[in-house]
Structures are given as C-alpha cells and as structure tokens.
Protein backbone atom coordinates (compact mmCIF):
# COMPACT_ATOMS: atom_id res chain seq x y z
CA UNK A 1 0.09 -0.10 -0.11
CA UNK A 2 3.34 2.43 -0.04
CA UNK A 3 1.93 3.75 -3.63
CA UNK A 4 -1.27 4.61 -2.01
CA UNK A 5 0.29 6.40 0.62
CA UNK A 6 2.25 8.09 -1.97
CA UNK A 7 -0.71 8.97 -3.98
CA UNK A 8 -2.45 10.58 -1.41
CA UNK A 9 0.41 12.56 0.21
CA UNK A 10 1.06 14.26 -3.30
CA UNK A 11 -2.54 14.56 -3.67
CA UNK A 12 -2.96 16.80 0.02
CA UNK A 13 0.01 19.06 -1.66
CA UNK A 14 -1.76 19.40 -5.43
CA UNK A 15 -5.46 19.09 -4.55
CA UNK A 16 -6.54 20.55 -7.91
CA UNK A 17 -8.31 19.12 -10.63
CA UNK A 18 -5.47 19.64 -13.17
CA UNK A 19 -2.92 17.58 -11.25
CA UNK A 20 -5.64 15.12 -10.39
CA UNK A 21 -5.82 14.83 -14.37
CA UNK A 22 -2.27 14.14 -14.98
CA UNK A 23 -2.23 11.44 -12.56
CA UNK A 24 -5.57 9.79 -13.06
CA UNK A 25 -4.12 6.66 -14.25
CA UNK A 26 -2.19 6.49 -10.63
CA UNK A 27 -5.27 7.16 -9.03
CA UNK A 28 -6.97 4.31 -10.97
CA UNK A 29 -4.10 1.99 -9.82
CA UNK A 30 -4.21 3.28 -6.37
CA UNK A 31 -8.21 2.54 -6.48
CA UNK A 32 -7.61 -1.02 -7.73
CA UNK A 33 -5.45 -1.94 -4.93
CA UNK A 34 -8.40 -0.26 -2.70
CA UNK A 35 -10.80 -2.32 -4.48
CA UNK A 36 -8.78 -5.85 -4.13
CA UNK A 37 -7.73 -5.28 -0.72
CA UNK A 38 -11.42 -4.57 0.33
CA UNK A 39 -12.72 -7.89 -1.78
CA UNK A 40 -9.82 -9.91 0.15
CA UNK A 41 -11.41 -8.56 3.78
CA UNK A 42 -14.96 -8.73 2.73
CA UNK A 43 -14.16 -12.81 2.03
CA UNK A 44 -12.10 -12.81 5.45
CA UNK A 45 -14.97 -11.10 7.31
CA UNK A 46 -17.85 -13.50 5.85
CA UNK A 47 -15.96 -16.37 7.58
CA UNK A 48 -16.48 -15.12 11.20
CA UNK A 49 -19.24 -12.69 10.27
CA UNK A 50 -22.37 -14.70 9.14
CA UNK A 51 -24.49 -11.09 8.71
CA UNK A 52 -22.22 -10.08 5.67
CA UNK A 53 -22.83 -11.34 2.42
CA UNK A 54 -20.38 -10.84 -0.18
CA UNK A 55 -20.89 -8.01 -2.44
CA UNK A 56 -19.11 -6.23 -5.17
CA UNK A 57 -16.05 -4.37 -3.25
CA UNK A 58 -17.26 -0.93 -5.40
CA UNK A 59 -20.51 -0.82 -2.95
CA UNK A 60 -18.11 -0.82 0.16
CA UNK A 61 -15.17 1.91 -1.32
CA UNK A 62 -15.90 5.11 -0.80
CA UNK A 63 -15.46 7.77 -3.46
CA UNK A 64 -12.56 10.24 -3.63
CA UNK A 65 -14.53 13.14 -4.94
CA UNK A 66 -16.02 15.20 -2.15
CA UNK A 67 -19.27 17.25 -2.05
CA UNK A 68 -18.30 20.56 -1.79
CA UNK A 69 -21.96 22.26 -2.11
CA UNK A 70 -22.29 22.96 1.20
CA UNK A 71 -18.51 23.44 2.25
CA UNK A 72 -16.39 26.44 2.66
CA UNK A 73 -13.39 24.14 1.80
CA UNK A 74 -13.90 23.67 -1.97
CA UNK A 75 -10.85 21.67 -2.60
CA UNK A 76 -12.17 18.92 -5.04
CA UNK A 77 -10.44 15.58 -3.60
CA UNK A 78 -10.54 13.75 -0.54
CA UNK A 79 -7.00 12.91 0.74
CA UNK A 80 -7.70 9.58 2.06
CA UNK A 81 -9.25 6.22 0.77
CA UNK A 82 -11.48 4.14 2.77
CA UNK A 83 -13.87 1.44 2.64
CA UNK A 84 -16.87 0.13 4.81
CA UNK A 85 -17.64 -3.54 5.20
CA UNK A 86 -21.35 -4.32 6.25
CA UNK A 87 -24.41 -5.72 5.44
CA UNK A 88 -25.77 -3.04 2.43
CA UNK A 89 -22.42 -1.42 1.76
CA UNK A 90 -20.91 1.88 2.71
CA UNK A 91 -24.51 3.43 3.11
CA UNK A 92 -25.67 0.77 5.33
CA UNK A 93 -27.21 1.47 8.78
CA UNK A 94 -25.52 -1.86 10.31
CA UNK A 95 -22.40 -2.08 12.04
CA UNK A 96 -19.71 -3.11 9.85
CA UNK A 97 -15.80 -2.59 9.93
CA UNK A 98 -13.82 0.63 8.30
CA UNK A 99 -10.67 1.04 7.01
CA UNK A 100 -9.25 4.69 6.54
CA UNK A 101 -5.78 4.90 4.61
CA UNK A 102 -4.21 8.54 5.18
CA UNK A 103 -0.91 9.21 5.73
CA UNK A 104 -0.06 9.84 9.14
CA UNK A 105 -3.81 9.34 9.75
CA UNK A 106 -4.89 5.73 8.89
CA UNK A 107 -6.84 3.68 11.16
CA UNK A 108 -9.23 0.17 11.18
CA UNK A 109 -12.03 0.27 13.07
CA UNK A 110 -15.87 0.17 12.80
CA UNK A 111 -19.32 -0.18 14.59
CA UNK A 112 -21.88 2.30 13.56
CA UNK A 113 -21.43 6.03 12.47
CA UNK A 114 -23.80 8.69 12.84
CA UNK A 115 -26.80 6.33 12.64
CA UNK A 116 -30.37 7.40 11.89
CA UNK A 117 -32.25 8.22 14.95
CA UNK A 118 -34.14 4.78 15.21
CA UNK A 119 -31.04 2.96 14.65
CA UNK A 120 -29.41 5.08 17.49
CA UNK A 121 -32.49 4.40 19.75
CA UNK A 122 -32.29 0.49 18.90
CA UNK A 123 -28.74 0.76 20.08
CA UNK A 124 -29.29 2.51 23.19
CA UNK A 125 -32.40 0.59 24.35
CA UNK A 126 -30.27 -2.75 23.67
CA UNK A 127 -27.31 -1.46 26.00
CA UNK A 128 -30.20 -0.12 28.75
CA UNK A 129 -31.58 -3.57 28.52
CA UNK A 130 -28.33 -5.41 28.81
CA UNK A 131 -25.57 -3.07 29.69
CA UNK A 132 -23.63 -5.83 31.34
CA UNK A 133 -23.42 -7.78 28.48
CA UNK A 134 -22.26 -4.37 26.46
CA UNK A 135 -19.68 -3.33 28.81
CA UNK A 136 -18.18 -7.25 29.06
CA UNK A 137 -17.60 -6.83 25.26
CA UNK A 138 -16.04 -3.16 25.31
CA UNK A 139 -13.90 -3.53 28.41
CA UNK A 140 -12.28 -6.86 27.67
CA UNK A 141 -8.92 -6.53 27.76
CA UNK A 142 -8.36 -7.99 24.37
CA UNK A 143 -10.82 -5.62 22.67
CA UNK A 144 -9.33 -2.42 24.85
CA UNK A 145 -5.50 -3.32 23.63
CA UNK A 146 -6.67 -2.54 20.30
CA UNK A 147 -9.64 -0.54 20.71
CA UNK A 148 -9.39 1.42 24.13
CA UNK A 149 -12.08 4.12 23.59
CA UNK A 150 -15.59 5.17 22.05
CA UNK A 151 -15.52 7.77 19.42
CA UNK A 152 -16.05 10.71 21.93
CA UNK A 153 -19.12 12.56 20.53
CA UNK A 154 -21.88 12.87 22.96
CA UNK A 155 -25.03 14.18 24.30
CA UNK A 156 -24.33 16.50 27.83
CA UNK A 157 -27.70 15.19 29.29
CA UNK A 158 -29.57 11.78 29.26
CA UNK A 159 -31.19 10.78 25.48
CA UNK A 160 -34.69 11.66 25.84
CA UNK A 161 -36.84 8.45 26.68
CA UNK A 162 -34.47 7.24 29.17
CA UNK A 163 -33.85 7.63 33.02
CA UNK A 164 -31.40 10.17 33.92
CA UNK A 165 -30.62 7.71 37.31
CA UNK A 166 -29.57 4.90 35.02
CA UNK A 167 -26.06 3.58 36.22
CA UNK A 168 -24.85 3.34 33.12
CA UNK A 169 -26.42 6.49 31.64
CA UNK A 170 -23.03 7.57 29.92
CA UNK A 171 -23.07 4.54 27.59
CA UNK A 172 -26.48 5.95 26.20
CA UNK A 173 -25.07 9.50 25.45
CA UNK A 174 -23.21 8.38 22.59
CA UNK A 175 -24.32 9.55 18.79
CA UNK A 176 -22.24 6.87 17.33
CA UNK A 177 -21.03 3.60 18.57
CA UNK A 178 -17.46 3.77 16.74
CA UNK A 179 -14.27 2.53 17.51
CA UNK A 180 -10.93 2.69 15.95
CA UNK A 181 -7.25 1.55 16.43
CA UNK A 182 -4.68 3.70 14.66
CA UNK A 183 -2.06 2.23 12.11
CA UNK A 184 1.18 3.81 11.25
CA UNK A 185 2.21 4.42 7.68
CA UNK A 186 5.02 1.73 8.47
CA UNK A 187 2.26 -0.80 9.34
CA UNK A 188 0.08 -0.01 6.08
CA UNK A 189 3.02 -0.44 4.12
CA UNK A 190 4.14 -3.60 5.53
CA UNK A 191 3.79 -7.36 4.41
CA UNK A 192 1.84 -8.01 7.82
CA UNK A 193 -0.76 -5.22 7.03
CA UNK A 194 -3.91 -7.29 6.07
CA UNK A 195 -3.01 -9.74 8.96
CA UNK A 196 -3.29 -7.11 11.24
CA UNK A 197 -6.68 -5.65 9.81
CA UNK A 198 -8.19 -9.04 9.71
CA UNK A 199 -7.16 -9.60 13.46
CA UNK A 200 -8.12 -6.17 14.27
CA UNK A 201 -12.05 -6.81 12.50
CA UNK A 202 -12.34 -10.19 14.40
CA UNK A 203 -12.09 -8.34 17.90
CA UNK A 204 -14.63 -6.00 16.79
CA UNK A 205 -17.35 -8.85 15.85
CA UNK A 206 -18.91 -9.22 19.04
CA UNK A 207 -19.41 -6.02 19.47
CA UNK A 208 -20.73 -5.26 16.10
CA UNK A 209 -23.04 -8.59 16.51
CA UNK A 210 -24.65 -6.75 19.65
CA UNK A 211 -25.27 -3.56 17.43
CA UNK A 212 -26.88 -5.45 14.81
CA UNK A 213 -28.78 -7.89 16.73
CA UNK A 214 -30.22 -4.84 17.97
CA UNK A 215 -31.08 -3.26 14.92
CA UNK A 216 -33.11 -6.61 14.11
CA UNK A 217 -34.91 -6.44 17.26
CA UNK A 218 -35.96 -3.23 17.69
CA UNK A 219 -36.41 -1.61 13.86
C-alpha cells in the first residue's frame, strides 16, 4: 500500500483538478488496490461474521470526490481512501468494519457512525436492557488493547426516553458507536498489514454482532 500512501501525500499538496487529471492513471491503480484489498477483507469477514453477504467491493469503497456544495472548503478531492464492509455496503445503517488509509492518520475500526435516529434508539435500548453484556464486550482486555475508547461524540444530558439515574447513562449518550485503532504508515506499508486488519476486525465482531442484533430486534 506504499503506492497509495505516496499518491495521497502528493494529492494533499496538489488538490486540484489539473494535477489529478495528469495523475488519473495513478489514482486508478490506487483505487484498484483498494478494491482488491476490500474484496479480500470481505471474504475474510464472511468467515467469522455471517451477517455479511459477499458483495462487489465497489459498494464498500468510498468515492474520492468531495461534495463541496455546502462546504467552505472547495478542494475537490479527499486526501484519504476508505471502505466500509457491512451488510448493504458503505451506505448501510448496520454496524460494520471500516478501513481508513491516510498518510499519518490511517486507522482500522468500525461500529456504527452517525446512525439515523431509529437505529441509534435501537442501540441505546439494547444497551439499556443489557448493560453488563455490552460492558463485558467493550471493556474486555483484548478488545481495549486494540480499541481503547469509544468515539467521543456525546450528548451532554441523558437521551430522551431514558432515565437520568440509569447507572450506565454515559453509555447511552453517544451519538455514534464507533471504535478505531490507529495504524502507522509503516504498518500500512508492511507485509503484515492484511493480517493485522483481519485480526482487528475479528476483535470488533462481537460488538458489531451486539449492535446488529439490536437493529434486527427493534427496527
């Protein structure tokens, strides 16, 4: 993946259509690498997560083109490449596995990022009903070694419909249930990269299973 890191580094310094057009062949090669990697990871994920059916990697890999319609930042391209492996692909509301490649800021993780209101309520309800089960998963030593914290985007008060005196109310305040493990550029470019990602995905699976069971139960 060193070629991908190199391309993204140069793109950051030359984020304009003229440079991109000249280097479009390089981009296409990097995209092919990302599609191949995503297909490989999907095959591996199916082995331990039976909620994921095989699908074309194109449904999992995100576009590099930015939507600048409502942004003050008008640079046309993202300076990262990513894919979300989940039932239904990158637009799914299901919890899944995310890989983010960006020089100096790569990570592997997953869960459910910014879910719609009904899905978020389903997650919170399941955690409210089974707090010990959820805590056992996210506070397990092997899990915290890879994913030390939940993505910290929280309400300041208890979410509507849940008692403020609930002992684990902080767990219900999250707007997303997302976990991430940072990756150095050296790790991304290493021979053991794929094995590391697969191992990290396997560790996340029980949490994704908990969240996805919540969706199936409450939606």
